[in-house]
Amino acid sequence: MSRHDRRTTLKRRVAAVAEDWLGRALPDAERWTRASLVRCRGPYCLRCGHSSPQRYSVREGCPVCIDRRGVLDGVCRVGRYRGGCAQLVLALKFRRWWELARPLGSRLAWSVRAERGADCLRGAVVVPVPMPLIRRWRRGIDHAALIGREVASAGGAAYYAAMWRSRGAGQAGAARSTRLRASSHGWHLHLKAPSRLRGREVVLVDDVLTTGRTARIASRLLKQAGATSVTLAVVAVTDQSPDIGYKIEG
């Protein structure tokens, strides 16, 4: 049994104890996820992830990003950050319902394979967007890492936490202008990242794409480490109007 499987088994046993002794009945993650994501399908731009009346390829781009070029090599998503999809993300992040990571990761892996090809994850490296250490300690959960592990497991890809953050303000509830000014200070590559990522395709995993600032910072670091391409895979995208612009350029 792998270390990840042992950890999952231990968490399930803890959950059973919590239900028996504390009366906290944890959700049926698989059923709740299926019900919440029923209406998540819809055309979107594969370059920026923005919802659109029709599907746009990475090469074409949609009216929001057609004149912009970025460090990302495309975006794959499950749905919009609204309704049931948003509830799933919030429950995982702030209520620590780690049980949701497996169905969300499996669904995200399915979305990536549907857009990029059935074997696109084989040979790729799945890298989660890092969370600042102090925020990880306060929340008690690293949601991007949990989802990333499930994406790698479902798609037959390698998993590697190539980056870490020593600092960084939380962006939950922050204004768009504040998100766009987020600094890259405090972002670091692990020492072995160049040898693990050089010449490899990378799937960068996060929960929500809003302005793309965090994804751009992470993508630059990964390409500095030698990644040939970086595709962002997120559970949800916060759509912006074309007048505001969905900045995902470098």
C-alpha atoms as a PDB file:
ATOM      1  CA  MET A   1       0.000   0.000   0.000  1.00  0.00           C
ATOM      2  CA  SER A   2       1.383   3.393  -1.016  1.00  0.00           C
ATOM      3  CA  ARG A   3       1.857   6.284   1.364  1.00  0.00           C
ATOM      4  CA  HIS A   4      -1.064   8.135  -0.236  1.00  0.00           C
ATOM      5  CA  ASP A   5      -3.356   5.098   0.162  1.00  0.00           C
ATOM      6  CA  ARG A   6      -2.341   4.701   3.807  1.00  0.00           C
ATOM      7  CA  ARG A   7      -3.078   8.360   4.423  1.00  0.00           C
ATOM      8  CA  THR A   8      -6.500   8.049   2.772  1.00  0.00           C
ATOM      9  CA  THR A   9      -7.316   4.974   4.862  1.00  0.00           C
ATOM     10  CA  LEU A  10      -6.297   6.785   8.042  1.00  0.00           C
ATOM     11  CA  LYS A  11      -8.489   9.774   7.166  1.00  0.00           C
ATOM     12  CA  ARG A  12     -11.460   7.505   6.579  1.00  0.00           C
ATOM     13  CA  ARG A  13     -10.969   5.882   9.957  1.00  0.00           C
ATOM     14  CA  VAL A  14     -10.762   9.286  11.620  1.00  0.00           C
ATOM     15  CA  ALA A  15     -13.951  10.303   9.807  1.00  0.00           C
ATOM     16  CA  ALA A  16     -15.709   7.185  11.099  1.00  0.00           C
ATOM     17  CA  VAL A  17     -14.616   7.978  14.656  1.00  0.00           C
ATOM     18  CA  ALA A  18     -15.809  11.571  14.257  1.00  0.00           C
ATOM     19  CA  GLU A  19     -19.217  10.366  13.122  1.00  0.00           C
ATOM     20  CA  ASP A  20     -19.544   7.807  15.934  1.00  0.00           C
ATOM     21  CA  TRP A  21     -18.259   9.916  18.816  1.00  0.00           C
ATOM     22  CA  LEU A  22     -18.785  13.518  17.770  1.00  0.00           C
ATOM     23  CA  GLY A  23     -21.962  13.131  15.744  1.00  0.00           C
ATOM     24  CA  ARG A  24     -20.537  14.830  12.667  1.00  0.00           C
ATOM     25  CA  ALA A  25     -21.898  13.014   9.639  1.00  0.00           C
ATOM     26  CA  LEU A  26     -19.617  13.727   6.680  1.00  0.00           C
ATOM     27  CA  PRO A  27     -21.169  14.211   3.220  1.00  0.00           C
ATOM     28  CA  ASP A  28     -21.526  11.586   0.549  1.00  0.00           C
ATOM     29  CA  ALA A  29     -18.827  13.216  -1.570  1.00  0.00           C
ATOM     30  CA  GLU A  30     -19.382  11.233  -4.756  1.00  0.00           C
ATOM     31  CA  ARG A  31     -23.147  11.760  -4.852  1.00  0.00           C
ATOM     32  CA  TRP A  32     -22.975  15.438  -3.852  1.00  0.00           C
ATOM     33  CA  THR A  33     -20.328  16.158  -6.468  1.00  0.00           C
ATOM     34  CA  ARG A  34     -22.302  14.528  -9.268  1.00  0.00           C
ATOM     35  CA  ALA A  35     -25.445  16.432  -8.317  1.00  0.00           C
ATOM     36  CA  SER A  36     -23.628  19.771  -8.020  1.00  0.00           C
ATOM     37  CA  LEU A  37     -21.807  19.492 -11.343  1.00  0.00           C
ATOM     38  CA  VAL A  38     -24.763  18.465 -13.505  1.00  0.00           C
ATOM     39  CA  ARG A  39     -25.070  21.939 -15.045  1.00  0.00           C
ATOM     40  CA  CYS A  40     -21.374  22.753 -15.243  1.00  0.00           C
ATOM     41  CA  ARG A  41     -20.919  21.815 -18.870  1.00  0.00           C
ATOM     42  CA  GLY A  42     -20.791  24.510 -21.513  1.00  0.00           C
ATOM     43  CA  PRO A  43     -18.503  25.900 -24.222  1.00  0.00           C
ATOM     44  CA  TYR A  44     -15.485  27.926 -23.159  1.00  0.00           C
ATOM     45  CA  CYS A  45     -12.184  29.220 -24.503  1.00  0.00           C
ATOM     46  CA  LEU A  46      -9.329  26.751 -24.168  1.00  0.00           C
ATOM     47  CA  ARG A  47      -6.807  29.599 -24.051  1.00  0.00           C
ATOM     48  CA  CYS A  48      -8.207  31.594 -21.096  1.00  0.00           C
ATOM     49  CA  GLY A  49     -11.030  29.430 -19.697  1.00  0.00           C
ATOM     50  CA  HIS A  50     -13.642  32.143 -20.180  1.00  0.00           C
ATOM     51  CA  SER A  51     -17.214  30.989 -20.919  1.00  0.00           C
ATOM     52  CA  SER A  52     -18.430  31.787 -24.401  1.00  0.00           C
ATOM     53  CA  PRO A  53     -21.334  30.980 -26.743  1.00  0.00           C
ATOM     54  CA  GLN A  54     -19.034  28.676 -28.690  1.00  0.00           C
ATOM     55  CA  ARG A  55     -15.874  26.688 -28.082  1.00  0.00           C
ATOM     56  CA  TYR A  56     -12.581  28.393 -28.947  1.00  0.00           C
ATOM     57  CA  SER A  57      -9.280  26.603 -29.389  1.00  0.00           C
ATOM     58  CA  VAL A  58      -5.985  27.617 -27.793  1.00  0.00           C
ATOM     59  CA  ARG A  59      -4.795  28.940 -31.143  1.00  0.00           C
ATOM     60  CA  GLU A  60      -7.925  30.985 -31.916  1.00  0.00           C
ATOM     61  CA  GLY A  61      -8.692  32.540 -28.550  1.00  0.00           C
ATOM     62  CA  CYS A  62     -12.012  34.154 -27.676  1.00  0.00           C
ATOM     63  CA  PRO A  63     -12.942  37.884 -27.921  1.00  0.00           C
ATOM     64  CA  VAL A  64     -11.684  38.314 -24.354  1.00  0.00           C
ATOM     65  CA  CYS A  65      -8.130  37.042 -24.954  1.00  0.00           C
ATOM     66  CA  ILE A  66      -7.692  37.043 -28.739  1.00  0.00           C
ATOM     67  CA  ASP A  67      -5.204  39.942 -28.664  1.00  0.00           C
ATOM     68  CA  ARG A  68      -3.289  38.647 -25.672  1.00  0.00           C
ATOM     69  CA  ARG A  69      -0.543  36.055 -25.457  1.00  0.00           C
ATOM     70  CA  GLY A  70       0.432  34.493 -22.187  1.00  0.00           C
ATOM     71  CA  VAL A  71       2.798  32.169 -20.409  1.00  0.00           C
ATOM     72  CA  LEU A  72       0.087  29.525 -20.070  1.00  0.00           C
ATOM     73  CA  ASP A  73      -0.447  27.000 -22.833  1.00  0.00           C
ATOM     74  CA  GLY A  74      -4.169  26.634 -22.267  1.00  0.00           C
ATOM     75  CA  VAL A  75      -6.812  26.197 -19.589  1.00  0.00           C
ATOM     76  CA  CYS A  76      -9.011  23.212 -18.808  1.00  0.00           C
ATOM     77  CA  ARG A  77     -11.874  23.508 -16.354  1.00  0.00           C
ATOM     78  CA  VAL A  78     -14.855  21.706 -14.906  1.00  0.00           C
ATOM     79  CA  GLY A  79     -17.296  24.625 -14.755  1.00  0.00           C
ATOM     80  CA  ARG A  80     -18.070  28.181 -13.712  1.00  0.00           C
ATOM     81  CA  TYR A  81     -17.490  29.442 -10.206  1.00  0.00           C
ATOM     82  CA  ARG A  82     -21.152  29.647  -9.332  1.00  0.00           C
ATOM     83  CA  GLY A  83     -23.950  27.517  -7.906  1.00  0.00           C
ATOM     84  CA  GLY A  84     -23.084  23.965  -6.934  1.00  0.00           C
ATOM     85  CA  CYS A  85     -19.575  24.158  -8.354  1.00  0.00           C
ATOM     86  CA  ALA A  86     -18.716  27.095  -6.082  1.00  0.00           C
ATOM     87  CA  GLN A  87     -20.246  25.317  -3.077  1.00  0.00           C
ATOM     88  CA  LEU A  88     -17.989  22.318  -3.651  1.00  0.00           C
ATOM     89  CA  VAL A  89     -14.861  24.471  -3.768  1.00  0.00           C
ATOM     90  CA  LEU A  90     -15.828  26.414  -0.646  1.00  0.00           C
ATOM     91  CA  ALA A  91     -16.653  23.248   1.275  1.00  0.00           C
ATOM     92  CA  LEU A  92     -13.269  21.751   0.430  1.00  0.00           C
ATOM     93  CA  LYS A  93     -11.283  24.915   1.243  1.00  0.00           C
ATOM     94  CA  PHE A  94     -12.997  26.311   4.298  1.00  0.00           C
ATOM     95  CA  ARG A  95     -14.959  23.395   5.802  1.00  0.00           C
ATOM     96  CA  ARG A  96     -12.076  20.976   5.294  1.00  0.00           C
ATOM     97  CA  TRP A  97     -14.215  18.376   3.560  1.00  0.00           C
ATOM     98  CA  TRP A  98     -11.218  16.570   2.108  1.00  0.00           C
ATOM     99  CA  GLU A  99     -13.560  13.814   0.890  1.00  0.00           C
ATOM    100  CA  LEU A 100     -14.497  16.088  -2.020  1.00  0.00           C
ATOM    101  CA  ALA A 101     -10.950  16.078  -3.403  1.00  0.00           C
ATOM    102  CA  ARG A 102     -11.240  12.630  -4.984  1.00  0.00           C
ATOM    103  CA  PRO A 103     -14.430  13.192  -7.047  1.00  0.00           C
ATOM    104  CA  LEU A 104     -13.353  16.716  -7.985  1.00  0.00           C
ATOM    105  CA  GLY A 105      -9.886  15.528  -9.007  1.00  0.00           C
ATOM    106  CA  SER A 106     -11.332  12.669 -11.031  1.00  0.00           C
ATOM    107  CA  ARG A 107     -13.755  14.998 -12.801  1.00  0.00           C
ATOM    108  CA  LEU A 108     -10.970  17.493 -13.508  1.00  0.00           C
ATOM    109  CA  ALA A 109      -8.763  14.738 -14.949  1.00  0.00           C
ATOM    110  CA  TRP A 110     -11.671  13.706 -17.174  1.00  0.00           C
ATOM    111  CA  SER A 111     -12.012  17.301 -18.403  1.00  0.00           C
ATOM    112  CA  VAL A 112      -8.293  17.531 -19.215  1.00  0.00           C
ATOM    113  CA  ARG A 113      -8.359  14.259 -21.155  1.00  0.00           C
ATOM    114  CA  ALA A 114     -11.523  15.297 -22.987  1.00  0.00           C
ATOM    115  CA  GLU A 115      -9.902  18.526 -24.204  1.00  0.00           C
ATOM    116  CA  ARG A 116      -6.280  17.439 -24.666  1.00  0.00           C
ATOM    117  CA  GLY A 117      -6.553  13.778 -25.603  1.00  0.00           C
ATOM    118  CA  ALA A 118      -7.047  10.518 -23.754  1.00  0.00           C
ATOM    119  CA  ASP A 119      -3.315   9.977 -23.139  1.00  0.00           C
ATOM    120  CA  CYS A 120      -2.335  13.602 -22.490  1.00  0.00           C
ATOM    121  CA  LEU A 121      -1.677  13.031 -18.783  1.00  0.00           C
ATOM    122  CA  ARG A 122       0.559  10.018 -19.289  1.00  0.00           C
ATOM    123  CA  GLY A 123       4.118  11.277 -19.197  1.00  0.00           C
ATOM    124  CA  ALA A 124       3.027  14.658 -17.830  1.00  0.00           C
ATOM    125  CA  VAL A 125       3.763  16.018 -14.364  1.00  0.00           C
ATOM    126  CA  VAL A 126       0.920  17.339 -12.221  1.00  0.00           C
ATOM    127  CA  VAL A 127       2.014  20.278 -10.065  1.00  0.00           C
ATOM    128  CA  PRO A 128      -0.294  21.995  -7.531  1.00  0.00           C
ATOM    129  CA  VAL A 129      -0.330  25.749  -7.006  1.00  0.00           C
ATOM    130  CA  PRO A 130       1.450  26.154  -3.658  1.00  0.00           C
ATOM    131  CA  MET A 131      -0.168  27.599  -0.551  1.00  0.00           C
ATOM    132  CA  PRO A 132       1.830  29.822   1.848  1.00  0.00           C
ATOM    133  CA  LEU A 133       3.026  27.774   4.791  1.00  0.00           C
ATOM    134  CA  ILE A 134       1.298  29.888   7.447  1.00  0.00           C
ATOM    135  CA  ARG A 135      -2.029  29.732   5.583  1.00  0.00           C
ATOM    136  CA  ARG A 136      -1.663  25.970   5.214  1.00  0.00           C
ATOM    137  CA  TRP A 137      -1.212  25.696   8.973  1.00  0.00           C
ATOM    138  CA  ARG A 138      -4.198  27.940   9.732  1.00  0.00           C
ATOM    139  CA  ARG A 139      -6.609  26.225   7.348  1.00  0.00           C
ATOM    140  CA  GLY A 140      -5.460  22.718   8.114  1.00  0.00           C
ATOM    141  CA  ILE A 141      -5.822  21.658   4.476  1.00  0.00           C
ATOM    142  CA  ASP A 142      -3.999  22.154   1.186  1.00  0.00           C
ATOM    143  CA  HIS A 143      -6.869  21.845  -1.281  1.00  0.00           C
ATOM    144  CA  ALA A 144      -4.816  22.311  -4.467  1.00  0.00           C
ATOM    145  CA  ALA A 145      -2.418  19.542  -3.424  1.00  0.00           C
ATOM    146  CA  LEU A 146      -5.299  17.166  -2.630  1.00  0.00           C
ATOM    147  CA  ILE A 147      -6.973  17.818  -5.986  1.00  0.00           C
ATOM    148  CA  GLY A 148      -3.643  17.562  -7.789  1.00  0.00           C
ATOM    149  CA  ARG A 149      -2.909  14.120  -6.318  1.00  0.00           C
ATOM    150  CA  GLU A 150      -6.286  12.864  -7.481  1.00  0.00           C
ATOM    151  CA  VAL A 151      -5.786  14.290 -10.979  1.00  0.00           C
ATOM    152  CA  ALA A 152      -2.441  12.527 -11.235  1.00  0.00           C
ATOM    153  CA  SER A 153      -3.887   9.268  -9.912  1.00  0.00           C
ATOM    154  CA  ALA A 154      -6.893   9.346 -12.255  1.00  0.00           C
ATOM    155  CA  GLY A 155      -4.829  10.267 -15.316  1.00  0.00           C
ATOM    156  CA  GLY A 156      -1.771   8.077 -14.737  1.00  0.00           C
ATOM    157  CA  ALA A 157       0.518  11.107 -14.411  1.00  0.00           C
ATOM    158  CA  ALA A 158       3.392  11.834 -12.064  1.00  0.00           C
ATOM    159  CA  TYR A 159       2.721  14.145  -9.126  1.00  0.00           C
ATOM    160  CA  TYR A 160       5.332  16.586  -7.876  1.00  0.00           C
ATOM    161  CA  ALA A 161       4.964  19.631  -5.596  1.00  0.00           C
ATOM    162  CA  ALA A 162       7.630  21.629  -7.440  1.00  0.00           C
ATOM    163  CA  MET A 163       7.043  24.970  -5.693  1.00  0.00           C
ATOM    164  CA  TRP A 164       6.545  26.398  -2.232  1.00  0.00           C
ATOM    165  CA  ARG A 165       5.604  29.791  -0.849  1.00  0.00           C
ATOM    166  CA  SER A 166       7.064  31.413   2.232  1.00  0.00           C
ATOM    167  CA  ARG A 167       4.504  34.211   2.282  1.00  0.00           C
ATOM    168  CA  GLY A 168       1.539  35.698   0.487  1.00  0.00           C
ATOM    169  CA  ALA A 169      -1.740  37.337   1.454  1.00  0.00           C
ATOM    170  CA  GLY A 170      -4.942  35.367   1.089  1.00  0.00           C
ATOM    171  CA  GLN A 171      -7.061  36.285  -1.936  1.00  0.00           C
ATOM    172  CA  ALA A 172     -10.436  35.001  -0.778  1.00  0.00           C
ATOM    173  CA  GLY A 173     -12.810  37.954  -1.037  1.00  0.00           C
ATOM    174  CA  ALA A 174     -10.082  40.287  -2.348  1.00  0.00           C
ATOM    175  CA  ALA A 175     -10.915  42.866  -5.020  1.00  0.00           C
ATOM    176  CA  ARG A 176      -9.857  42.209  -8.602  1.00  0.00           C
ATOM    177  CA  SER A 177      -7.363  45.091  -8.529  1.00  0.00           C
ATOM    178  CA  THR A 178      -5.746  43.635  -5.409  1.00  0.00           C
ATOM    179  CA  ARG A 179      -5.442  40.207  -7.035  1.00  0.00           C
ATOM    180  CA  LEU A 180      -3.798  41.677 -10.117  1.00  0.00           C
ATOM    181  CA  ARG A 181      -1.171  43.375  -7.933  1.00  0.00           C
ATOM    182  CA  ALA A 182      -0.242  40.151  -6.140  1.00  0.00           C
ATOM    183  CA  SER A 183       3.524  39.942  -5.765  1.00  0.00           C
ATOM    184  CA  SER A 184       5.734  37.092  -6.891  1.00  0.00           C
ATOM    185  CA  HIS A 185       7.970  37.545  -3.850  1.00  0.00           C
ATOM    186  CA  GLY A 186       7.962  34.507  -1.608  1.00  0.00           C
ATOM    187  CA  TRP A 187       7.583  32.002  -4.465  1.00  0.00           C
ATOM    188  CA  HIS A 188      10.311  29.361  -4.668  1.00  0.00           C
ATOM    189  CA  LEU A 189      11.220  26.305  -6.715  1.00  0.00           C
ATOM    190  CA  HIS A 190      12.404  23.181  -4.952  1.00  0.00           C
ATOM    191  CA  LEU A 191      16.032  22.320  -5.623  1.00  0.00           C
ATOM    192  CA  LYS A 192      15.178  19.177  -7.581  1.00  0.00           C
ATOM    193  CA  ALA A 193      12.531  20.883  -9.725  1.00  0.00           C
ATOM    194  CA  PRO A 194      14.770  21.445 -12.792  1.00  0.00           C
ATOM    195  CA  SER A 195      15.781  17.789 -12.948  1.00  0.00           C
ATOM    196  CA  ARG A 196      12.186  16.618 -12.452  1.00  0.00           C
ATOM    197  CA  LEU A 197      10.535  19.035 -14.903  1.00  0.00           C
ATOM    198  CA  ARG A 198      13.102  19.605 -17.670  1.00  0.00           C
ATOM    199  CA  GLY A 199      11.606  18.612 -21.010  1.00  0.00           C
ATOM    200  CA  ARG A 200       8.276  17.584 -19.450  1.00  0.00           C
ATOM    201  CA  GLU A 201       4.724  18.793 -19.985  1.00  0.00           C
ATOM    202  CA  VAL A 202       3.211  20.182 -16.787  1.00  0.00           C
ATOM    203  CA  VAL A 203      -0.420  20.317 -15.683  1.00  0.00           C
ATOM    204  CA  LEU A 204      -0.748  23.070 -13.091  1.00  0.00           C
ATOM    205  CA  VAL A 205      -3.686  22.413 -10.743  1.00  0.00           C
ATOM    206  CA  ASP A 206      -5.674  24.947  -8.721  1.00  0.00           C
ATOM    207  CA  ASP A 207      -9.222  25.310  -7.433  1.00  0.00           C
ATOM    208  CA  VAL A 208     -10.410  28.591  -9.019  1.00  0.00           C
ATOM    209  CA  LEU A 209      -9.118  30.856 -11.793  1.00  0.00           C
ATOM    210  CA  THR A 210     -10.103  34.498 -11.264  1.00  0.00           C
ATOM    211  CA  THR A 211      -7.573  36.953 -12.707  1.00  0.00           C
ATOM    212  CA  GLY A 212      -4.857  34.479 -13.678  1.00  0.00           C
ATOM    213  CA  ARG A 213      -2.171  36.322 -11.697  1.00  0.00           C
ATOM    214  CA  THR A 214      -1.267  33.344  -9.497  1.00  0.00           C
ATOM    215  CA  ALA A 215      -1.245  31.013 -12.492  1.00  0.00           C
ATOM    216  CA  ARG A 216       1.099  33.338 -14.401  1.00  0.00           C
ATOM    217  CA  ILE A 217       3.584  33.498 -11.548  1.00  0.00           C
ATOM    218  CA  ALA A 218       3.568  29.716 -11.156  1.00  0.00           C
ATOM    219  CA  SER A 219       3.839  29.118 -14.907  1.00  0.00           C
ATOM    220  CA  ARG A 220       6.881  31.357 -15.228  1.00  0.00           C
ATOM    221  CA  LEU A 221       8.658  29.484 -12.457  1.00  0.00           C
ATOM    222  CA  LEU A 222       7.830  26.114 -14.002  1.00  0.00           C
ATOM    223  CA  LYS A 223       9.122  27.185 -17.408  1.00  0.00           C
ATOM    224  CA  GLN A 224      12.275  28.519 -15.786  1.00  0.00           C
ATOM    225  CA  ALA A 225      12.719  24.999 -14.397  1.00  0.00           C
ATOM    226  CA  GLY A 226      12.575  23.598 -17.936  1.00  0.00           C
ATOM    227  CA  ALA A 227       8.914  22.650 -18.463  1.00  0.00           C
ATOM    228  CA  THR A 228       8.078  22.554 -22.173  1.00  0.00           C
ATOM    229  CA  SER A 229       4.444  23.554 -21.635  1.00  0.00           C
ATOM    230  CA  VAL A 230       2.155  24.483 -18.753  1.00  0.00           C
ATOM    231  CA  THR A 231      -1.571  23.784 -18.959  1.00  0.00           C
ATOM    232  CA  LEU A 232      -3.726  25.116 -16.149  1.00  0.00           C
ATOM    233  CA  ALA A 233      -6.409  22.745 -14.828  1.00  0.00           C
ATOM    234  CA  VAL A 234      -8.954  24.272 -12.453  1.00  0.00           C
ATOM    235  CA  VAL A 235     -12.241  23.182 -10.953  1.00  0.00           C
ATOM    236  CA  ALA A 236     -13.933  26.506 -11.680  1.00  0.00           C
ATOM    237  CA  VAL A 237     -13.426  29.788 -13.527  1.00  0.00           C
ATOM    238  CA  THR A 238     -14.799  33.159 -12.451  1.00  0.00           C
ATOM    239  CA  ASP A 239     -16.022  34.668 -15.695  1.00  0.00           C
ATOM    240  CA  GLN A 240     -15.320  38.303 -16.486  1.00  0.00           C
ATOM    241  CA  SER A 241     -16.927  40.469 -19.132  1.00  0.00           C
ATOM    242  CA  PRO A 242     -14.937  41.297 -22.282  1.00  0.00           C
ATOM    243  CA  ASP A 243     -15.064  44.990 -21.338  1.00  0.00           C
ATOM    244  CA  ILE A 244     -13.144  44.308 -18.127  1.00  0.00           C
ATOM    245  CA  GLY A 245     -10.819  41.804 -19.735  1.00  0.00           C
ATOM    246  CA  TYR A 246      -9.722  38.424 -18.528  1.00  0.00           C
ATOM    247  CA  LYS A 247      -6.022  39.043 -18.129  1.00  0.00           C
ATOM    248  CA  ILE A 248      -4.015  35.891 -18.448  1.00  0.00           C
ATOM    249  CA  GLU A 249      -1.170  37.298 -20.494  1.00  0.00           C
ATOM    250  CA  GLY A 250       2.425  37.438 -19.418  1.00  0.00           C
END
